[in-house]
Amino acid sequence: MGQEIELKFLCEPADLDAVLAAAPGEGAQIQRLNATYFDTPDQLLAKARISLRLRDEDGRRVQTLKRGEGFSREEHEAPAPDEGLDLGMPALRKALTGAQRGALEPAFTVQVTRRARTFLHQGAEIELAVDQGIIRAGDRSEPVSEIELELKAGPPQALFEVARELSRTAPLYLSFDGKAYRGQALRDGAEMSPRRHDRIRLKRGADVTRALQTVGRSALSQLAANALVLRAVDGEEPLHQVRVAVRRLRSALTVFKPIADDEVRPALAAELKWLLSACDEARDLDVFAHDNHALGGDAAISTVVESARAGAHARAQAAVT
């Protein structure tokens, strides 16, 4: 078992070459990765935040099980048999009963071309991967265009420093959704659905620092997911969920101020306040429009409100982007 520590960013295809060129190191190893993800018919693995993948890596078959989501995940990897899955994999046996393992079936596929390089930065060994390809689930498909920074050894802070440097080259959109989550959402037709936050689960014995990390990452994940939807399709609910996520982050910074009051917090608090304010007008007009309709508002008022809503939503989308 290993612990995968990784930052993932969505990036426009036209910007991928510039980001790779701006990263430390030289050259890139090119791989064509073809993966099939498995789950039971009732999606037991997905419900448990587990992904099971069988991937062909330049002729080598590798079976990988990952548990968890976000910045840090538990990872189990082993060579796969020539045919099918290794149903005796210890991590898989721990996750599913024998009958459940026997019911595993292909859920979706991912094909990407990966350009990767490993380099040293501030005492850390980091792998940069630039992925382009496609996810397919039945007759649905979705393109992949993303940057991954994985910590191989050393301090995690170095990942963030590299990410900040690369973000000056091209827009990078933080994402907590791996290819497994995206494939599951695509299969369910929910790839552009607004995201409510999950219930916070703190591990027994966790200290206050770990509690801040758990709450903060939950809110940041919700913000990133709904910002993606809002950039692509707009709408009342993703806008509302963006505001909920921002308010949760602001509350966390306030509640945990005794341990989070460093030189970064004032600037971060100011940015979150600005983002919330940038979305306020659109949300207020959404609520007003519903109230006006419920009260039987006349057509003239409705026309003016709808025009104002369109402008406010466009400004909110620009701010979130």
Protein backbone atom coordinates (compact mmCIF):
# COMPACT_ATOMS: atom_id res chain seq x y z
CA MET A 1 0.00 0.00 0.00
CA GLY A 2 1.10 3.52 -0.75
CA GLN A 3 -0.29 6.97 -0.09
CA GLU A 4 -0.85 8.96 -3.25
CA ILE A 5 -0.41 12.71 -2.71
CA GLU A 6 -1.40 14.60 -5.82
CA LEU A 7 -2.66 17.93 -7.11
CA LYS A 8 -4.85 17.81 -10.20
CA PHE A 9 -5.75 20.71 -12.50
CA LEU A 10 -7.98 21.03 -15.54
CA CYS A 11 -6.31 22.93 -18.37
CA GLU A 12 -7.31 23.95 -21.88
CA PRO A 13 -5.71 21.68 -24.52
CA ALA A 14 -4.12 24.68 -26.23
CA ASP A 15 -2.24 25.54 -23.01
CA LEU A 16 -0.81 22.11 -22.18
CA ASP A 17 2.41 22.53 -24.18
CA ALA A 18 3.15 25.89 -22.53
CA VAL A 19 2.64 24.44 -19.05
CA LEU A 20 4.92 21.49 -19.79
CA ALA A 21 7.59 23.83 -21.16
CA ALA A 22 7.38 26.04 -18.05
CA ALA A 23 7.81 23.15 -15.62
CA PRO A 24 11.21 22.28 -14.13
CA GLY A 25 13.27 19.66 -15.89
CA GLU A 26 13.57 18.70 -19.52
CA GLY A 27 12.09 16.17 -21.89
CA ALA A 28 9.07 13.94 -21.35
CA GLN A 29 8.31 10.24 -21.37
CA ILE A 30 5.32 9.53 -23.58
CA GLN A 31 2.90 6.73 -22.63
CA ARG A 32 -0.39 5.61 -24.09
CA LEU A 33 -2.56 4.41 -21.23
CA ASN A 34 -5.71 2.36 -21.77
CA ALA A 35 -7.72 1.67 -18.63
CA THR A 36 -10.96 -0.10 -17.79
CA TYR A 37 -12.65 0.72 -14.49
CA PHE A 38 -14.79 -1.87 -12.71
CA ASP A 39 -17.66 -1.80 -10.24
CA THR A 40 -20.59 -3.94 -9.14
CA PRO A 41 -24.00 -3.40 -10.77
CA ASP A 42 -25.15 -1.51 -7.65
CA GLN A 43 -21.93 0.58 -7.61
CA LEU A 44 -20.66 -0.60 -4.21
CA LEU A 45 -17.11 0.61 -4.90
CA ALA A 46 -18.21 4.08 -5.99
CA LYS A 47 -20.38 4.44 -2.89
CA ALA A 48 -17.37 3.57 -0.72
CA ARG A 49 -15.13 6.10 -2.52
CA ILE A 50 -13.10 3.26 -4.04
CA SER A 51 -11.93 2.92 -7.63
CA LEU A 52 -10.70 -0.30 -9.25
CA ARG A 53 -8.74 0.01 -12.46
CA LEU A 54 -7.10 -2.40 -14.89
CA ARG A 55 -4.65 -0.49 -17.08
CA ASP A 56 -2.41 -1.40 -20.01
CA GLU A 57 0.79 0.61 -19.60
CA ASP A 58 2.79 0.03 -22.79
CA GLY A 59 2.06 -3.70 -22.75
CA ARG A 60 2.21 -4.17 -18.97
CA ARG A 61 -1.10 -4.91 -17.24
CA VAL A 62 -1.47 -3.22 -13.85
CA GLN A 63 -4.35 -3.51 -11.39
CA THR A 64 -4.87 -0.52 -9.08
CA LEU A 65 -7.30 0.09 -6.24
CA LYS A 66 -7.57 3.57 -4.74
CA ARG A 67 -9.54 4.51 -1.65
CA GLY A 68 -10.54 8.05 -0.71
CA GLU A 69 -10.62 11.26 -2.70
CA GLY A 70 -9.02 14.64 -2.93
CA PHE A 71 -5.44 15.58 -2.15
CA SER A 72 -4.34 12.32 -0.52
CA ARG A 73 -5.57 8.79 -1.27
CA GLU A 74 -4.71 5.24 -0.27
CA GLU A 75 -3.30 3.35 -3.26
CA HIS A 76 -2.77 -0.40 -3.86
CA GLU A 77 -1.10 -1.53 -7.07
CA ALA A 78 0.05 -4.92 -8.40
CA PRO A 79 0.69 -6.70 -11.70
CA ALA A 80 -2.53 -8.05 -13.21
CA PRO A 81 -3.12 -11.54 -14.64
CA ASP A 82 -3.14 -12.06 -18.39
CA GLU A 83 -6.92 -12.32 -18.37
CA GLY A 84 -9.43 -10.53 -16.15
CA LEU A 85 -8.96 -9.17 -12.65
CA ASP A 86 -7.02 -10.55 -9.70
CA LEU A 87 -10.02 -11.10 -7.40
CA GLY A 88 -7.68 -12.20 -4.62
CA MET A 89 -6.00 -8.80 -4.32
CA PRO A 90 -5.92 -8.18 -0.52
CA ALA A 91 -7.29 -4.63 -0.72
CA LEU A 92 -10.12 -5.83 -2.96
CA ARG A 93 -10.93 -8.72 -0.62
CA LYS A 94 -11.14 -6.21 2.21
CA ALA A 95 -13.54 -4.01 0.24
CA LEU A 96 -15.95 -6.65 -1.15
CA THR A 97 -17.23 -10.10 -0.27
CA GLY A 98 -16.54 -13.05 -2.56
CA ALA A 99 -19.97 -12.81 -4.18
CA GLN A 100 -19.57 -9.07 -4.68
CA ARG A 101 -16.14 -9.53 -6.27
CA GLY A 102 -17.64 -12.09 -8.62
CA ALA A 103 -20.21 -9.50 -9.74
CA LEU A 104 -17.60 -6.94 -10.82
CA GLU A 105 -18.06 -5.73 -14.38
CA PRO A 106 -16.58 -3.04 -16.65
CA ALA A 107 -18.11 0.38 -15.93
CA PHE A 108 -16.24 2.77 -18.25
CA THR A 109 -12.92 3.21 -20.03
CA VAL A 110 -10.25 5.89 -20.12
CA GLN A 111 -7.71 6.31 -22.93
CA VAL A 112 -5.05 9.01 -22.57
CA THR A 113 -1.69 9.97 -23.97
CA ARG A 114 0.52 10.96 -21.05
CA ARG A 115 3.62 13.12 -21.22
CA ALA A 116 5.49 12.87 -17.94
CA ARG A 117 8.72 13.99 -16.35
CA THR A 118 10.15 13.74 -12.85
CA PHE A 119 12.18 16.53 -11.28
CA LEU A 120 13.50 17.81 -7.96
CA HIS A 121 12.13 21.01 -6.42
CA GLN A 122 12.76 22.41 -2.94
CA GLY A 123 13.85 19.05 -1.59
CA ALA A 124 10.94 17.13 -3.12
CA GLU A 125 10.77 14.64 -5.97
CA ILE A 126 7.73 15.46 -8.12
CA GLU A 127 6.21 13.83 -11.18
CA LEU A 128 4.43 16.09 -13.64
CA ALA A 129 1.95 14.35 -15.95
CA VAL A 130 0.13 16.01 -18.85
CA ASP A 131 -2.85 13.89 -19.91
CA GLN A 132 -4.96 14.21 -23.05
CA GLY A 133 -7.58 11.71 -24.08
CA ILE A 134 -11.16 10.60 -23.59
CA ILE A 135 -13.45 8.92 -21.06
CA ARG A 136 -16.17 6.65 -22.47
CA ALA A 137 -19.19 5.26 -20.64
CA GLY A 138 -21.66 3.54 -22.94
CA ASP A 139 -22.60 6.01 -25.66
CA ARG A 140 -21.38 9.00 -23.62
CA SER A 141 -17.90 10.47 -23.81
CA GLU A 142 -15.93 13.34 -22.26
CA PRO A 143 -12.50 14.73 -23.17
CA VAL A 144 -9.58 14.67 -20.77
CA SER A 145 -7.17 17.62 -20.64
CA GLU A 146 -5.42 17.90 -17.31
CA ILE A 147 -2.21 18.40 -15.37
CA GLU A 148 -1.21 16.19 -12.45
CA LEU A 149 1.52 16.91 -9.93
CA GLU A 150 2.31 13.86 -7.78
CA LEU A 151 4.64 13.87 -4.80
CA LYS A 152 7.08 10.98 -4.98
CA ALA A 153 9.17 12.00 -1.96
CA GLY A 154 9.77 15.03 0.21
CA PRO A 155 7.64 17.88 1.61
CA PRO A 156 4.11 18.34 0.15
CA GLN A 157 4.53 22.13 0.23
CA ALA A 158 6.73 21.84 -2.85
CA LEU A 159 3.74 20.65 -4.90
CA PHE A 160 1.90 23.88 -4.16
CA GLU A 161 4.91 26.02 -5.02
CA VAL A 162 5.25 24.33 -8.43
CA ALA A 163 1.51 24.70 -9.03
CA ARG A 164 1.63 28.43 -8.26
CA GLU A 165 4.51 28.88 -10.69
CA LEU A 166 2.75 26.96 -13.46
CA SER A 167 -0.50 28.88 -12.93
CA ARG A 168 1.33 32.02 -14.05
CA THR A 169 1.81 30.39 -17.45
CA ALA A 170 -1.81 29.42 -18.15
CA PRO A 171 -5.15 29.11 -16.31
CA LEU A 172 -5.18 25.98 -14.14
CA TYR A 173 -8.47 24.96 -12.52
CA LEU A 174 -8.09 22.95 -9.33
CA SER A 175 -10.00 19.67 -9.41
CA PHE A 176 -10.51 17.04 -6.72
CA ASP A 177 -12.26 14.68 -9.16
CA GLY A 178 -10.08 11.91 -10.52
CA LYS A 179 -10.78 10.06 -13.74
CA ALA A 180 -12.68 7.41 -11.76
CA TYR A 181 -15.13 9.94 -10.33
CA ARG A 182 -15.55 11.61 -13.73
CA GLY A 183 -16.23 8.25 -15.37
CA GLN A 184 -18.83 7.34 -12.76
CA ALA A 185 -20.56 10.71 -13.19
CA LEU A 186 -20.49 10.32 -16.97
CA ARG A 187 -22.00 6.84 -16.72
CA ASP A 188 -24.79 8.24 -14.52
CA GLY A 189 -25.35 11.27 -16.75
CA ALA A 190 -24.38 13.56 -13.87
CA GLU A 191 -21.11 15.02 -15.17
CA MET A 192 -22.52 18.57 -15.12
CA SER A 193 -24.61 18.29 -11.96
CA PRO A 194 -24.21 20.83 -9.12
CA ARG A 195 -22.43 19.36 -6.08
CA ARG A 196 -23.63 19.62 -2.49
CA HIS A 197 -21.04 19.09 0.20
CA ASP A 198 -20.62 15.69 1.80
CA ARG A 199 -21.11 15.21 5.50
CA ILE A 200 -17.86 15.95 7.31
CA ARG A 201 -16.35 12.83 8.89
CA LEU A 202 -13.56 13.35 11.40
CA LYS A 203 -11.44 10.38 12.40
CA ARG A 204 -11.46 9.42 16.04
CA GLY A 205 -8.53 11.04 17.79
CA ALA A 206 -7.96 13.66 15.07
CA ASP A 207 -6.38 16.84 16.38
CA VAL A 208 -7.58 20.36 15.61
CA THR A 209 -5.12 20.77 12.72
CA ARG A 210 -6.48 17.67 10.96
CA ALA A 211 -10.02 18.93 11.58
CA LEU A 212 -9.20 22.22 9.82
CA GLN A 213 -7.70 20.32 6.89
CA THR A 214 -10.74 18.05 6.59
CA VAL A 215 -13.26 20.90 6.72
CA GLY A 216 -11.20 23.12 4.42
CA ARG A 217 -10.64 20.46 1.77
CA SER A 218 -14.34 19.54 1.79
CA ALA A 219 -15.32 23.15 1.13
CA LEU A 220 -12.59 23.62 -1.47
CA SER A 221 -13.67 20.45 -3.27
CA GLN A 222 -17.27 21.69 -3.36
CA LEU A 223 -16.12 25.07 -4.67
CA ALA A 224 -13.95 23.55 -7.42
CA ALA A 225 -16.67 21.14 -8.59
CA ASN A 226 -19.41 23.78 -8.81
CA ALA A 227 -17.09 26.34 -10.39
CA LEU A 228 -16.50 23.81 -13.19
CA VAL A 229 -20.25 23.48 -13.77
CA LEU A 230 -20.82 27.24 -13.58
CA ARG A 231 -18.07 27.95 -16.11
CA ALA A 232 -19.58 25.45 -18.53
CA VAL A 233 -23.36 25.78 -18.28
CA ASP A 234 -24.29 28.50 -15.73
CA GLY A 235 -27.45 28.04 -13.66
CA GLU A 236 -29.00 28.93 -10.33
CA GLU A 237 -27.99 25.82 -8.37
CA PRO A 238 -24.24 25.75 -9.23
CA LEU A 239 -24.09 29.47 -8.42
CA HIS A 240 -25.80 28.83 -5.08
CA GLN A 241 -23.44 25.94 -4.27
CA VAL A 242 -20.39 28.08 -5.13
CA ARG A 243 -21.61 30.62 -2.58
CA VAL A 244 -22.25 27.89 0.01
CA ALA A 245 -18.70 26.57 -0.46
CA VAL A 246 -17.16 30.03 -0.14
CA ARG A 247 -19.14 30.71 3.03
CA ARG A 248 -18.00 27.38 4.49
CA LEU A 249 -14.37 28.27 3.79
CA ARG A 250 -14.78 31.71 5.34
CA SER A 251 -16.41 30.18 8.40
CA ALA A 252 -13.58 27.67 8.76
CA LEU A 253 -11.00 30.46 8.68
CA THR A 254 -12.92 32.23 11.44
CA VAL A 255 -13.59 29.21 13.66
CA PHE A 256 -10.00 27.96 13.37
CA LYS A 257 -8.39 31.41 13.52
CA PRO A 258 -6.25 30.55 16.59
CA ILE A 259 -4.26 28.05 14.49
CA ALA A 260 -4.84 29.50 10.98
CA ASP A 261 -3.99 33.14 11.66
CA ASP A 262 -0.77 33.38 9.65
CA GLU A 263 0.46 35.87 7.05
CA VAL A 264 -1.62 34.23 4.29
CA ARG A 265 -5.03 34.28 6.01
CA PRO A 266 -5.90 38.01 5.57
CA ALA A 267 -5.31 37.88 1.81
CA LEU A 268 -7.22 34.62 1.48
CA ALA A 269 -10.11 35.98 3.54
CA ALA A 270 -10.22 39.09 1.34
CA GLU A 271 -10.27 37.00 -1.86
CA LEU A 272 -13.12 34.84 -0.55
CA LYS A 273 -15.09 37.94 0.46
CA TRP A 274 -14.59 39.39 -3.02
CA LEU A 275 -15.73 36.17 -4.70
CA LEU A 276 -18.84 35.96 -2.53
CA SER A 277 -19.68 39.60 -3.25
CA ALA A 278 -19.23 39.01 -6.98
CA CYS A 279 -21.95 36.33 -6.84
CA ASP A 280 -24.36 38.15 -4.49
CA GLU A 281 -26.25 40.15 -7.12
CA ALA A 282 -27.00 37.09 -9.26
CA ARG A 283 -28.20 35.09 -6.27
CA ASP A 284 -30.37 37.96 -4.99
CA LEU A 285 -32.00 38.34 -8.41
CA ASP A 286 -32.59 34.57 -8.65
CA VAL A 287 -34.48 34.68 -5.35
CA PHE A 288 -36.33 37.85 -6.31
CA ALA A 289 -37.44 36.33 -9.62
CA HIS A 290 -38.90 33.29 -7.86
CA ASP A 291 -40.70 35.46 -5.30
CA ASN A 292 -42.02 37.77 -8.02
CA HIS A 293 -43.38 34.79 -9.96
CA ALA A 294 -44.99 33.30 -6.84
CA LEU A 295 -46.72 36.62 -6.15
CA GLY A 296 -48.03 36.84 -9.71
CA GLY A 297 -45.70 39.62 -10.84
CA ASP A 298 -46.60 41.27 -14.13
CA ALA A 299 -44.80 40.64 -17.42
CA ALA A 300 -43.05 44.01 -17.49
CA ILE A 301 -41.34 43.43 -14.15
CA SER A 302 -40.42 39.87 -15.14
CA THR A 303 -38.77 41.12 -18.35
CA VAL A 304 -36.65 43.66 -16.48
CA VAL A 305 -35.67 41.09 -13.84
CA GLU A 306 -34.65 38.48 -16.41
CA SER A 307 -32.46 41.01 -18.22
CA ALA A 308 -30.79 41.98 -14.94
CA ARG A 309 -30.31 38.30 -13.99
CA ALA A 310 -28.55 37.56 -17.29
CA GLY A 311 -26.06 40.36 -16.73
CA ALA A 312 -25.48 39.45 -13.09
CA HIS A 313 -24.90 35.78 -13.93
CA ALA A 314 -22.41 36.72 -16.65
CA ARG A 315 -20.45 38.79 -14.15
CA ALA A 316 -20.56 35.97 -11.58
CA GLN A 317 -19.31 33.47 -14.17
CA ALA A 318 -16.43 35.78 -15.06
CA ALA A 319 -15.50 36.16 -11.39
CA VAL A 320 -15.57 32.42 -10.75
CA THR A 321 -13.48 31.76 -13.88
